[in-house]
């Protein structure tokens, strides 16, 4: 296991730095990592939980607890860390211009060929 991608590559992929023979393979897919980050963002979002999930009685109990500010600050830090990593991830961004450029290009060509 490694956290960093080595600079030595073979045809099959990055070469293991320990044995210099094996080829490294990803343990998790990009989609799985993105899904996990989205889940973390959801569970660390206290504001969303206060508005949507928690009942009024539970809100009153939370307000009475003495360590409420410390816990809220910890959750804010966790959520901001997850948001920072999601903001640099391009997995959630879709370039619609590129996505539909082939489709639009084909439809224009097809309609021009259909004319007599």
PDB file of N, CA and C in Angstrom:
ATOM      1  N   UNK A   1       0.831  -1.185   0.000  1.00  0.00           N
ATOM      2  CA  UNK A   1       0.000   0.000   0.000  1.00  0.00           C
ATOM      3  C   UNK A   1       0.872   1.242   0.000  1.00  0.00           C
ATOM      4  N   UNK A   2       0.385   2.247  -0.684  1.00  0.00           N
ATOM      5  CA  UNK A   2       1.084   3.523  -0.692  1.00  0.00           C
ATOM      6  C   UNK A   2       0.076   4.646  -0.868  1.00  0.00           C
ATOM      7  N   UNK A   3       0.421   5.803  -0.371  1.00  0.00           N
ATOM      8  CA  UNK A   3      -0.443   6.970  -0.539  1.00  0.00           C
ATOM      9  C   UNK A   3      -0.002   7.810  -1.727  1.00  0.00           C
ATOM     10  N   UNK A   4       1.188   7.597  -2.195  1.00  0.00           N
ATOM     11  CA  UNK A   4       1.743   8.410  -3.275  1.00  0.00           C
ATOM     12  C   UNK A   4       1.960   7.568  -4.512  1.00  0.00           C
ATOM     13  N   UNK A   5       1.767   8.190  -5.629  1.00  0.00           N
ATOM     14  CA  UNK A   5       1.984   7.521  -6.902  1.00  0.00           C
ATOM     15  C   UNK A   5       3.469   7.598  -7.238  1.00  0.00           C
ATOM     16  N   UNK A   6       4.127   6.459  -7.407  1.00  0.00           N
ATOM     17  CA  UNK A   6       5.556   6.492  -7.717  1.00  0.00           C
ATOM     18  C   UNK A   6       5.804   7.035  -9.125  1.00  0.00           C
ATOM     19  N   UNK A   7       7.025   7.481  -9.356  1.00  0.00           N
ATOM     20  CA  UNK A   7       7.380   8.054 -10.653  1.00  0.00           C
ATOM     21  C   UNK A   7       7.806   7.001 -11.665  1.00  0.00           C
ATOM     22  N   UNK A   8       8.108   5.794 -11.218  1.00  0.00           N
ATOM     23  CA  UNK A   8       8.516   4.727 -12.132  1.00  0.00           C
ATOM     24  C   UNK A   8       7.289   3.992 -12.662  1.00  0.00           C
ATOM     25  N   UNK A   9       7.158   3.943 -13.976  1.00  0.00           N
ATOM     26  CA  UNK A   9       6.017   3.285 -14.599  1.00  0.00           C
ATOM     27  C   UNK A   9       6.492   2.211 -15.561  1.00  0.00           C
ATOM     28  N   UNK A  10       5.659   1.187 -15.690  1.00  0.00           N
ATOM     29  CA  UNK A  10       5.857   0.187 -16.736  1.00  0.00           C
ATOM     30  C   UNK A  10       4.636   0.258 -17.644  1.00  0.00           C
ATOM     31  N   UNK A  11       4.524  -0.629 -18.580  1.00  0.00           N
ATOM     32  CA  UNK A  11       3.343  -0.644 -19.470  1.00  0.00           C
ATOM     33  C   UNK A  11       2.047  -0.875 -18.702  1.00  0.00           C
ATOM     34  N   UNK A  12       2.136  -1.653 -17.637  1.00  0.00           N
ATOM     35  CA  UNK A  12       0.940  -2.018 -16.876  1.00  0.00           C
ATOM     36  C   UNK A  12       0.536  -0.991 -15.833  1.00  0.00           C
ATOM     37  N   UNK A  13       1.435  -0.093 -15.461  1.00  0.00           N
ATOM     38  CA  UNK A  13       1.108   0.904 -14.457  1.00  0.00           C
ATOM     39  C   UNK A  13       2.308   1.251 -13.603  1.00  0.00           C
ATOM     40  N   UNK A  14       2.092   1.900 -12.462  1.00  0.00           N
ATOM     41  CA  UNK A  14       3.202   2.302 -11.598  1.00  0.00           C
ATOM     42  C   UNK A  14       3.888   1.098 -10.942  1.00  0.00           C
ATOM     43  N   UNK A  15       5.205   1.169 -10.847  1.00  0.00           N
ATOM     44  CA  UNK A  15       6.005   0.075 -10.300  1.00  0.00           C
ATOM     45  C   UNK A  15       6.156   0.264  -8.795  1.00  0.00           C
ATOM     46  N   UNK A  16       6.060  -0.836  -8.052  1.00  0.00           N
ATOM     47  CA  UNK A  16       6.209  -0.840  -6.596  1.00  0.00           C
ATOM     48  C   UNK A  16       7.614  -0.364  -6.229  1.00  0.00           C
ATOM     49  N   UNK A  17       7.698   0.554  -5.268  1.00  0.00           N
ATOM     50  CA  UNK A  17       8.989   1.089  -4.851  1.00  0.00           C
ATOM     51  C   UNK A  17       9.748   0.131  -3.933  1.00  0.00           C
ATOM     52  N   UNK A  18       9.043  -0.800  -3.289  1.00  0.00           N
ATOM     53  CA  UNK A  18       9.689  -1.719  -2.356  1.00  0.00           C
ATOM     54  C   UNK A  18      10.420  -2.844  -3.088  1.00  0.00           C
ATOM     55  N   UNK A  19       9.711  -3.531  -3.994  1.00  0.00           N
ATOM     56  CA  UNK A  19      10.323  -4.694  -4.644  1.00  0.00           C
ATOM     57  C   UNK A  19      10.792  -4.405  -6.069  1.00  0.00           C
ATOM     58  N   UNK A  20      10.373  -3.313  -6.636  1.00  0.00           N
ATOM     59  CA  UNK A  20      10.745  -2.884  -7.988  1.00  0.00           C
ATOM     60  C   UNK A  20      10.294  -3.844  -9.083  1.00  0.00           C
ATOM     61  N   UNK A  21       9.361  -4.771  -8.761  1.00  0.00           N
ATOM     62  CA  UNK A  21       8.895  -5.739  -9.747  1.00  0.00           C
ATOM     63  C   UNK A  21       7.382  -5.687  -9.932  1.00  0.00           C
ATOM     64  N   UNK A  22       6.656  -5.538  -8.860  1.00  0.00           N
ATOM     65  CA  UNK A  22       5.196  -5.595  -8.918  1.00  0.00           C
ATOM     66  C   UNK A  22       4.626  -4.278  -9.453  1.00  0.00           C
ATOM     67  N   UNK A  23       3.413  -4.382  -9.974  1.00  0.00           N
ATOM     68  CA  UNK A  23       2.701  -3.210 -10.482  1.00  0.00           C
ATOM     69  C   UNK A  23       1.592  -2.864  -9.504  1.00  0.00           C
ATOM     70  N   UNK A  24       1.489  -1.594  -9.161  1.00  0.00           N
ATOM     71  CA  UNK A  24       0.474  -1.144  -8.207  1.00  0.00           C
ATOM     72  C   UNK A  24      -0.880  -0.982  -8.886  1.00  0.00           C
ATOM     73  N   UNK A  25      -1.906  -1.345  -8.179  1.00  0.00           N
ATOM     74  CA  UNK A  25      -3.289  -1.195  -8.656  1.00  0.00           C
ATOM     75  C   UNK A  25      -4.064  -0.365  -7.644  1.00  0.00           C
ATOM     76  N   UNK A  26      -5.026   0.445  -8.096  1.00  0.00           N
ATOM     77  CA  UNK A  26      -5.828   1.221  -7.142  1.00  0.00           C
ATOM     78  C   UNK A  26      -6.676   0.315  -6.264  1.00  0.00           C
ATOM     79  N   UNK A  27      -6.737   0.641  -4.987  1.00  0.00           N
ATOM     80  CA  UNK A  27      -7.511  -0.156  -4.046  1.00  0.00           C
ATOM     81  C   UNK A  27      -8.993   0.229  -4.104  1.00  0.00           C
ATOM     82  N   UNK A  28      -9.257   1.519  -4.348  1.00  0.00           N
ATOM     83  CA  UNK A  28     -10.628   2.026  -4.437  1.00  0.00           C
ATOM     84  C   UNK A  28     -10.772   2.817  -5.731  1.00  0.00           C
ATOM     85  N   UNK A  29     -11.957   2.769  -6.304  1.00  0.00           N
ATOM     86  CA  UNK A  29     -12.194   3.529  -7.527  1.00  0.00           C
ATOM     87  C   UNK A  29     -12.427   4.997  -7.192  1.00  0.00           C
ATOM     88  N   UNK A  30     -12.326   5.856  -8.194  1.00  0.00           N
ATOM     89  CA  UNK A  30     -12.586   7.282  -8.006  1.00  0.00           C
ATOM     90  C   UNK A  30     -14.016   7.507  -7.533  1.00  0.00           C
ATOM     91  N   UNK A  31     -14.922   6.753  -8.104  1.00  0.00           N
ATOM     92  CA  UNK A  31     -16.337   6.906  -7.733  1.00  0.00           C
ATOM     93  C   UNK A  31     -16.566   6.527  -6.270  1.00  0.00           C
ATOM     94  N   UNK A  32     -15.921   5.457  -5.815  1.00  0.00           N
ATOM     95  CA  UNK A  32     -16.084   5.029  -4.426  1.00  0.00           C
ATOM     96  C   UNK A  32     -15.544   6.087  -3.461  1.00  0.00           C
ATOM     97  N   UNK A  33     -14.410   6.693  -3.798  1.00  0.00           N
ATOM     98  CA  UNK A  33     -13.850   7.736  -2.943  1.00  0.00           C
ATOM     99  C   UNK A  33     -14.742   8.971  -2.929  1.00  0.00           C
ATOM    100  N   UNK A  34     -15.259   9.348  -4.089  1.00  0.00           N
ATOM    101  CA  UNK A  34     -16.151  10.511  -4.160  1.00  0.00           C
ATOM    102  C   UNK A  34     -17.439  10.254  -3.364  1.00  0.00           C
ATOM    103  N   UNK A  35     -17.996   9.070  -3.488  1.00  0.00           N
ATOM    104  CA  UNK A  35     -19.205   8.717  -2.750  1.00  0.00           C
ATOM    105  C   UNK A  35     -18.950   8.761  -1.241  1.00  0.00           C
ATOM    106  N   UNK A  36     -17.800   8.284  -0.813  1.00  0.00           N
ATOM    107  CA  UNK A  36     -17.446   8.308   0.607  1.00  0.00           C
ATOM    108  C   UNK A  36     -17.323   9.739   1.106  1.00  0.00           C
ATOM    109  N   UNK A  37     -16.699  10.609   0.314  1.00  0.00           N
ATOM    110  CA  UNK A  37     -16.585  12.012   0.715  1.00  0.00           C
ATOM    111  C   UNK A  37     -17.954  12.688   0.803  1.00  0.00           C
ATOM    112  N   UNK A  38     -18.839  12.369  -0.123  1.00  0.00           N
ATOM    113  CA  UNK A  38     -20.196  12.933  -0.072  1.00  0.00           C
ATOM    114  C   UNK A  38     -20.934  12.455   1.171  1.00  0.00           C
ATOM    115  N   UNK A  39     -20.732  11.224   1.548  1.00  0.00           N
ATOM    116  CA  UNK A  39     -21.346  10.702   2.766  1.00  0.00           C
ATOM    117  C   UNK A  39     -20.808  11.420   3.991  1.00  0.00           C
ATOM    118  N   UNK A  40     -19.480  11.623   4.033  1.00  0.00           N
ATOM    119  CA  UNK A  40     -18.898  12.354   5.160  1.00  0.00           C
ATOM    120  C   UNK A  40     -19.445  13.767   5.238  1.00  0.00           C
ATOM    121  N   UNK A  41     -19.589  14.427   4.096  1.00  0.00           N
ATOM    122  CA  UNK A  41     -20.146  15.781   4.094  1.00  0.00           C
ATOM    123  C   UNK A  41     -21.549  15.767   4.694  1.00  0.00           C
ATOM    124  N   UNK A  42     -22.321  14.752   4.371  1.00  0.00           N
ATOM    125  CA  UNK A  42     -23.689  14.643   4.889  1.00  0.00           C
ATOM    126  C   UNK A  42     -23.709  14.420   6.400  1.00  0.00           C
ATOM    127  N   UNK A  43     -22.892  13.498   6.902  1.00  0.00           N
ATOM    128  CA  UNK A  43     -22.955  13.191   8.336  1.00  0.00           C
ATOM    129  C   UNK A  43     -22.302  14.260   9.201  1.00  0.00           C
ATOM    130  N   UNK A  44     -21.404  15.077   8.641  1.00  0.00           N
ATOM    131  CA  UNK A  44     -20.762  16.136   9.418  1.00  0.00           C
ATOM    132  C   UNK A  44     -21.500  17.469   9.324  1.00  0.00           C
ATOM    133  N   UNK A  45     -22.577  17.539   8.562  1.00  0.00           N
ATOM    134  CA  UNK A  45     -23.316  18.786   8.387  1.00  0.00           C
ATOM    135  C   UNK A  45     -24.343  18.942   9.504  1.00  0.00           C
ATOM    136  N   UNK A  46     -23.942  19.590  10.592  1.00  0.00           N
ATOM    137  CA  UNK A  46     -24.837  19.755  11.742  1.00  0.00           C
ATOM    138  C   UNK A  46     -25.986  20.695  11.438  1.00  0.00           C
ATOM    139  N   UNK A  47     -25.761  21.701  10.615  1.00  0.00           N
ATOM    140  CA  UNK A  47     -26.827  22.653  10.288  1.00  0.00           C
ATOM    141  C   UNK A  47     -27.964  21.944   9.554  1.00  0.00           C
ATOM    142  N   UNK A  48     -27.619  21.078   8.625  1.00  0.00           N
ATOM    143  CA  UNK A  48     -28.639  20.321   7.902  1.00  0.00           C
ATOM    144  C   UNK A  48     -29.407  19.409   8.857  1.00  0.00           C
ATOM    145  N   UNK A  49     -28.674  18.764   9.763  1.00  0.00           N
ATOM    146  CA  UNK A  49     -29.311  17.860  10.727  1.00  0.00           C
ATOM    147  C   UNK A  49     -30.262  18.627  11.639  1.00  0.00           C
ATOM    148  N   UNK A  50     -29.847  19.810  12.063  1.00  0.00           N
ATOM    149  CA  UNK A  50     -30.705  20.612  12.932  1.00  0.00           C
ATOM    150  C   UNK A  50     -31.988  21.032  12.218  1.00  0.00           C
ATOM    151  N   UNK A  51     -31.870  21.346  10.943  1.00  0.00           N
ATOM    152  CA  UNK A  51     -33.044  21.809  10.190  1.00  0.00           C
ATOM    153  C   UNK A  51     -33.963  20.670   9.763  1.00  0.00           C
ATOM    154  N   UNK A  52     -33.396  19.573   9.292  1.00  0.00           N
ATOM    155  CA  UNK A  52     -34.196  18.544   8.624  1.00  0.00           C
ATOM    156  C   UNK A  52     -34.413  17.267   9.423  1.00  0.00           C
ATOM    157  N   UNK A  53     -33.459  16.862  10.197  1.00  0.00           N
ATOM    158  CA  UNK A  53     -33.488  15.530  10.791  1.00  0.00           C
ATOM    159  C   UNK A  53     -33.974  15.542  12.238  1.00  0.00           C
ATOM    160  N   UNK A  54     -33.492  16.472  13.019  1.00  0.00           N
ATOM    161  CA  UNK A  54     -33.758  16.478  14.453  1.00  0.00           C
ATOM    162  C   UNK A  54     -35.133  17.097  14.747  1.00  0.00           C
ATOM    163  N   UNK A  55     -35.829  16.490  15.703  1.00  0.00           N
ATOM    164  CA  UNK A  55     -37.136  17.025  16.111  1.00  0.00           C
ATOM    165  C   UNK A  55     -36.934  18.231  17.027  1.00  0.00           C
ATOM    166  N   UNK A  56     -37.988  18.958  17.281  1.00  0.00           N
ATOM    167  CA  UNK A  56     -37.922  20.141  18.145  1.00  0.00           C
ATOM    168  C   UNK A  56     -37.490  19.787  19.567  1.00  0.00           C
ATOM    169  N   UNK A  57     -37.968  18.655  20.090  1.00  0.00           N
ATOM    170  CA  UNK A  57     -37.593  18.230  21.442  1.00  0.00           C
ATOM    171  C   UNK A  57     -36.092  17.950  21.531  1.00  0.00           C
ATOM    172  N   UNK A  58     -35.554  17.314  20.505  1.00  0.00           N
ATOM    173  CA  UNK A  58     -34.124  17.020  20.486  1.00  0.00           C
ATOM    174  C   UNK A  58     -33.304  18.298  20.370  1.00  0.00           C
ATOM    175  N   UNK A  59     -33.808  19.290  19.636  1.00  0.00           N
ATOM    176  CA  UNK A  59     -33.107  20.578  19.523  1.00  0.00           C
ATOM    177  C   UNK A  59     -32.977  21.243  20.880  1.00  0.00           C
ATOM    178  N   UNK A  60     -34.032  21.187  21.675  1.00  0.00           N
ATOM    179  CA  UNK A  60     -33.998  21.783  23.014  1.00  0.00           C
ATOM    180  C   UNK A  60     -32.990  21.064  23.910  1.00  0.00           C
ATOM    181  N   UNK A  61     -32.930  19.740  23.812  1.00  0.00           N
ATOM    182  CA  UNK A  61     -31.965  18.979  24.610  1.00  0.00           C
ATOM    183  C   UNK A  61     -30.532  19.317  24.218  1.00  0.00           C
ATOM    184  N   UNK A  62     -30.297  19.505  22.945  1.00  0.00           N
ATOM    185  CA  UNK A  62     -28.953  19.836  22.472  1.00  0.00           C
ATOM    186  C   UNK A  62     -28.527  21.208  22.983  1.00  0.00           C
ATOM    187  N   UNK A  63     -29.455  22.150  23.003  1.00  0.00           N
ATOM    188  CA  UNK A  63     -29.130  23.500  23.482  1.00  0.00           C
ATOM    189  C   UNK A  63     -28.741  23.514  24.955  1.00  0.00           C
ATOM    190  N   UNK A  64     -29.240  22.587  25.742  1.00  0.00           N
ATOM    191  CA  UNK A  64     -28.973  22.531  27.175  1.00  0.00           C
ATOM    192  C   UNK A  64     -27.622  21.908  27.511  1.00  0.00           C
ATOM    193  N   UNK A  65     -27.030  21.190  26.585  1.00  0.00           N
ATOM    194  CA  UNK A  65     -25.763  20.512  26.862  1.00  0.00           C
ATOM    195  C   UNK A  65     -24.625  21.536  26.924  1.00  0.00           C
ATOM    196  N   UNK A  66     -23.707  21.380  27.892  1.00  0.00           N
ATOM    197  CA  UNK A  66     -22.645  22.379  28.083  1.00  0.00           C
ATOM    198  C   UNK A  66     -21.567  22.375  26.997  1.00  0.00           C
ATOM    199  N   UNK A  67     -21.262  21.247  26.402  1.00  0.00           N
ATOM    200  CA  UNK A  67     -20.174  21.153  25.423  1.00  0.00           C
ATOM    201  C   UNK A  67     -20.657  21.366  23.992  1.00  0.00           C
ATOM    202  N   UNK A  68     -21.805  21.979  23.820  1.00  0.00           N
ATOM    203  CA  UNK A  68     -22.409  22.126  22.502  1.00  0.00           C
ATOM    204  C   UNK A  68     -21.509  22.887  21.526  1.00  0.00           C
ATOM    205  N   UNK A  69     -20.887  23.974  21.973  1.00  0.00           N
ATOM    206  CA  UNK A  69     -20.054  24.781  21.088  1.00  0.00           C
ATOM    207  C   UNK A  69     -18.808  24.028  20.630  1.00  0.00           C
ATOM    208  N   UNK A  70     -18.201  23.280  21.513  1.00  0.00           N
ATOM    209  CA  UNK A  70     -17.006  22.516  21.157  1.00  0.00           C
ATOM    210  C   UNK A  70     -17.339  21.437  20.132  1.00  0.00           C
ATOM    211  N   UNK A  71     -18.443  20.769  20.346  1.00  0.00           N
ATOM    212  CA  UNK A  71     -18.856  19.716  19.412  1.00  0.00           C
ATOM    213  C   UNK A  71     -19.220  20.320  18.062  1.00  0.00           C
ATOM    214  N   UNK A  72     -19.948  21.422  18.082  1.00  0.00           N
ATOM    215  CA  UNK A  72     -20.328  22.084  16.830  1.00  0.00           C
ATOM    216  C   UNK A  72     -19.100  22.535  16.060  1.00  0.00           C
ATOM    217  N   UNK A  73     -18.123  23.072  16.760  1.00  0.00           N
ATOM    218  CA  UNK A  73     -16.888  23.528  16.104  1.00  0.00           C
ATOM    219  C   UNK A  73     -16.125  22.344  15.513  1.00  0.00           C
ATOM    220  N   UNK A  74     -16.090  21.232  16.218  1.00  0.00           N
ATOM    221  CA  UNK A  74     -15.410  20.038  15.693  1.00  0.00           C
ATOM    222  C   UNK A  74     -16.091  19.544  14.423  1.00  0.00           C
ATOM    223  N   UNK A  75     -17.420  19.515  14.426  1.00  0.00           N
ATOM    224  CA  UNK A  75     -18.137  19.091  13.222  1.00  0.00           C
ATOM    225  C   UNK A  75     -17.936  20.073  12.076  1.00  0.00           C
ATOM    226  N   UNK A  76     -17.875  21.376  12.390  1.00  0.00           N
ATOM    227  CA  UNK A  76     -17.623  22.371  11.338  1.00  0.00           C
ATOM    228  C   UNK A  76     -16.247  22.159  10.705  1.00  0.00           C
ATOM    229  N   UNK A  77     -15.261  21.849  11.533  1.00  0.00           N
ATOM    230  CA  UNK A  77     -13.908  21.602  11.016  1.00  0.00           C
ATOM    231  C   UNK A  77     -13.893  20.353  10.129  1.00  0.00           C
ATOM    232  N   UNK A  78     -14.564  19.306  10.583  1.00  0.00           N
ATOM    233  CA  UNK A  78     -14.613  18.078   9.788  1.00  0.00           C
ATOM    234  C   UNK A  78     -15.304  18.325   8.449  1.00  0.00           C
ATOM    235  N   UNK A  79     -16.420  19.038   8.479  1.00  0.00           N
ATOM    236  CA  UNK A  79     -17.155  19.318   7.243  1.00  0.00           C
ATOM    237  C   UNK A  79     -16.344  20.219   6.314  1.00  0.00           C
ATOM    238  N   UNK A  80     -15.640  21.202   6.863  1.00  0.00           N
ATOM    239  CA  UNK A  80     -14.838  22.084   6.011  1.00  0.00           C
ATOM    240  C   UNK A  80     -13.684  21.320   5.358  1.00  0.00           C
ATOM    241  N   UNK A  81     -13.121  20.343   6.075  1.00  0.00           N
ATOM    242  CA  UNK A  81     -12.066  19.512   5.489  1.00  0.00           C
ATOM    243  C   UNK A  81     -12.609  18.698   4.320  1.00  0.00           C
ATOM    244  N   UNK A  82     -13.767  18.091   4.518  1.00  0.00           N
ATOM    245  CA  UNK A  82     -14.392  17.306   3.447  1.00  0.00           C
ATOM    246  C   UNK A  82     -14.748  18.216   2.270  1.00  0.00           C
ATOM    247  N   UNK A  83     -15.306  19.397   2.550  1.00  0.00           N
ATOM    248  CA  UNK A  83     -15.663  20.330   1.484  1.00  0.00           C
ATOM    249  C   UNK A  83     -14.438  20.777   0.700  1.00  0.00           C
ATOM    250  N   UNK A  84     -13.314  20.961   1.395  1.00  0.00           N
ATOM    251  CA  UNK A  84     -12.080  21.360   0.710  1.00  0.00           C
ATOM    252  C   UNK A  84     -11.636  20.287  -0.291  1.00  0.00           C
ATOM    253  N   UNK A  85     -11.700  19.033   0.119  1.00  0.00           N
ATOM    254  CA  UNK A  85     -11.300  17.959  -0.794  1.00  0.00           C
ATOM    255  C   UNK A  85     -12.304  17.797  -1.935  1.00  0.00           C
ATOM    256  N   UNK A  86     -13.576  17.979  -1.652  1.00  0.00           N
ATOM    257  CA  UNK A  86     -14.575  17.890  -2.720  1.00  0.00           C
ATOM    258  C   UNK A  86     -14.454  19.047  -3.704  1.00  0.00           C
ATOM    259  N   UNK A  87     -14.022  20.206  -3.235  1.00  0.00           N
ATOM    260  CA  UNK A  87     -13.901  21.356  -4.129  1.00  0.00           C
ATOM    261  C   UNK A  87     -12.770  21.177  -5.143  1.00  0.00           C
ATOM    262  N   UNK A  88     -11.724  20.443  -4.780  1.00  0.00           N
ATOM    263  CA  UNK A  88     -10.634  20.217  -5.723  1.00  0.00           C
ATOM    264  C   UNK A  88     -10.874  18.972  -6.578  1.00  0.00           C
ATOM    265  N   UNK A  89     -11.885  18.205  -6.242  1.00  0.00           N
ATOM    266  CA  UNK A  89     -12.216  17.019  -7.023  1.00  0.00           C
ATOM    267  C   UNK A  89     -13.000  17.430  -8.259  1.00  0.00           C
ATOM    268  N   UNK A  90     -12.582  16.976  -9.393  1.00  0.00           N
ATOM    269  CA  UNK A  90     -13.311  17.297 -10.618  1.00  0.00           C
ATOM    270  C   UNK A  90     -14.292  16.189 -10.987  1.00  0.00           C
ATOM    271  N   UNK A  91     -14.468  15.234 -10.086  1.00  0.00           N
ATOM    272  CA  UNK A  91     -15.372  14.119 -10.364  1.00  0.00           C
ATOM    273  C   UNK A  91     -16.817  14.575 -10.451  1.00  0.00           C
ATOM    274  N   UNK A  92     -17.179  15.585  -9.669  1.00  0.00           N
ATOM    275  CA  UNK A  92     -18.574  16.024  -9.639  1.00  0.00           C
ATOM    276  C   UNK A  92     -18.890  17.051 -10.719  1.00  0.00           C
ATOM    277  N   UNK A  93     -17.901  17.549 -11.403  1.00  0.00           N
ATOM    278  CA  UNK A  93     -18.125  18.571 -12.415  1.00  0.00           C
ATOM    279  C   UNK A  93     -18.294  17.933 -13.787  1.00  0.00           C
ATOM    280  N   UNK A  94     -19.311  18.403 -14.489  1.00  0.00           N
ATOM    281  CA  UNK A  94     -19.577  17.898 -15.834  1.00  0.00           C
ATOM    282  C   UNK A  94     -19.486  19.066 -16.801  1.00  0.00           C
ATOM    283  N   UNK A  95     -18.672  18.924 -17.814  1.00  0.00           N
ATOM    284  CA  UNK A  95     -18.545  19.945 -18.841  1.00  0.00           C
ATOM    285  C   UNK A  95     -19.628  19.677 -19.883  1.00  0.00           C
ATOM    286  N   UNK A  96     -20.752  20.384 -19.783  1.00  0.00           N
ATOM    287  CA  UNK A  96     -21.879  20.136 -20.677  1.00  0.00           C
ATOM    288  C   UNK A  96     -21.542  20.479 -22.120  1.00  0.00           C
ATOM    289  N   UNK A  97     -20.708  21.463 -22.331  1.00  0.00           N
ATOM    290  CA  UNK A  97     -20.298  21.805 -23.687  1.00  0.00           C
ATOM    291  C   UNK A  97     -19.588  20.648 -24.367  1.00  0.00           C
ATOM    292  N   UNK A  98     -18.700  20.013 -23.635  1.00  0.00           N
ATOM    293  CA  UNK A  98     -17.978  18.867 -24.187  1.00  0.00           C
ATOM    294  C   UNK A  98     -18.886  17.638 -24.303  1.00  0.00           C
ATOM    295  N   UNK A  99     -19.776  17.480 -23.345  1.00  0.00           N
ATOM    296  CA  UNK A  99     -20.668  16.334 -23.334  1.00  0.00           C
ATOM    297  C   UNK A  99     -21.593  16.340 -24.545  1.00  0.00           C
ATOM    298  N   UNK A 100     -22.153  17.497 -24.861  1.00  0.00           N
ATOM    299  CA  UNK A 100     -23.112  17.579 -25.957  1.00  0.00           C
ATOM    300  C   UNK A 100     -22.502  18.028 -27.281  1.00  0.00           C
ATOM    301  N   UNK A 101     -21.212  18.317 -27.318  1.00  0.00           N
ATOM    302  CA  UNK A 101     -20.603  18.781 -28.560  1.00  0.00           C
ATOM    303  C   UNK A 101     -20.662  17.704 -29.641  1.00  0.00           C
ATOM    304  N   UNK A 102     -20.446  16.462 -29.280  1.00  0.00           N
ATOM    305  CA  UNK A 102     -20.499  15.370 -30.256  1.00  0.00           C
ATOM    306  C   UNK A 102     -21.938  15.159 -30.712  1.00  0.00           C
ATOM    307  N   UNK A 103     -22.873  15.193 -29.802  1.00  0.00           N
ATOM    308  CA  UNK A 103     -24.281  14.991 -30.127  1.00  0.00           C
ATOM    309  C   UNK A 103     -24.792  16.111 -31.019  1.00  0.00           C
ATOM    310  N   UNK A 104     -24.476  17.349 -30.678  1.00  0.00           N
ATOM    311  CA  UNK A 104     -24.930  18.484 -31.480  1.00  0.00           C
ATOM    312  C   UNK A 104     -24.263  18.466 -32.841  1.00  0.00           C
ATOM    313  N   UNK A 105     -22.975  18.151 -32.865  1.00  0.00           N
ATOM    314  CA  UNK A 105     -22.262  18.079 -34.136  1.00  0.00           C
ATOM    315  C   UNK A 105     -22.863  17.031 -35.054  1.00  0.00           C
ATOM    316  N   UNK A 106     -23.224  15.887 -34.526  1.00  0.00           N
ATOM    317  CA  UNK A 106     -23.827  14.826 -35.333  1.00  0.00           C
ATOM    318  C   UNK A 106     -25.215  15.234 -35.819  1.00  0.00           C
ATOM    319  N   UNK A 107     -26.000  15.855 -34.953  1.00  0.00           N
ATOM    320  CA  UNK A 107     -27.355  16.211 -35.353  1.00  0.00           C
ATOM    321  C   UNK A 107     -27.333  17.272 -36.443  1.00  0.00           C
ATOM    322  N   UNK A 108     -26.371  18.195 -36.407  1.00  0.00           N
ATOM    323  CA  UNK A 108     -26.265  19.215 -37.453  1.00  0.00           C
ATOM    324  C   UNK A 108     -25.858  18.560 -38.760  1.00  0.00           C
ATOM    325  N   UNK A 109     -24.914  17.641 -38.723  1.00  0.00           N
ATOM    326  CA  UNK A 109     -24.463  16.946 -39.926  1.00  0.00           C
ATOM    327  C   UNK A 109     -25.596  16.085 -40.486  1.00  0.00           C
ATOM    328  N   UNK A 110     -26.304  15.359 -39.609  1.00  0.00           N
ATOM    329  CA  UNK A 110     -27.387  14.493 -40.048  1.00  0.00           C
ATOM    330  C   UNK A 110     -28.517  15.295 -40.686  1.00  0.00           C
ATOM    331  N   UNK A 111     -28.864  16.435 -40.112  1.00  0.00           N
ATOM    332  CA  UNK A 111     -29.972  17.228 -40.684  1.00  0.00           C
ATOM    333  C   UNK A 111     -29.544  17.864 -41.994  1.00  0.00           C
ATOM    334  N   UNK A 112     -28.286  18.224 -42.143  1.00  0.00           N
ATOM    335  CA  UNK A 112     -27.858  18.799 -43.415  1.00  0.00           C
ATOM    336  C   UNK A 112     -27.794  17.736 -44.509  1.00  0.00           C
ATOM    337  N   UNK A 113     -27.528  16.485 -44.147  1.00  0.00           N
ATOM    338  CA  UNK A 113     -27.500  15.401 -45.137  1.00  0.00           C
ATOM    339  C   UNK A 113     -28.901  14.960 -45.520  1.00  0.00           C
ATOM    340  N   UNK A 114     -29.895  15.185 -44.667  1.00  0.00           N
ATOM    341  CA  UNK A 114     -31.254  14.796 -44.950  1.00  0.00           C
ATOM    342  C   UNK A 114     -31.936  15.695 -45.970  1.00  0.00           C
ATOM    343  N   UNK A 115     -31.427  16.880 -46.172  1.00  0.00           N
ATOM    344  CA  UNK A 115     -32.053  17.832 -47.095  1.00  0.00           C
ATOM    345  C   UNK A 115     -31.770  17.438 -48.537  1.00  0.00           C
ATOM    346  N   UNK A 116     -32.769  17.657 -49.417  1.00  0.00           N
ATOM    347  CA  UNK A 116     -32.551  17.287 -50.839  1.00  0.00           C
ATOM    348  C   UNK A 116     -31.719  18.298 -51.574  1.00  0.00           C
TER     349      UNK A 116
END
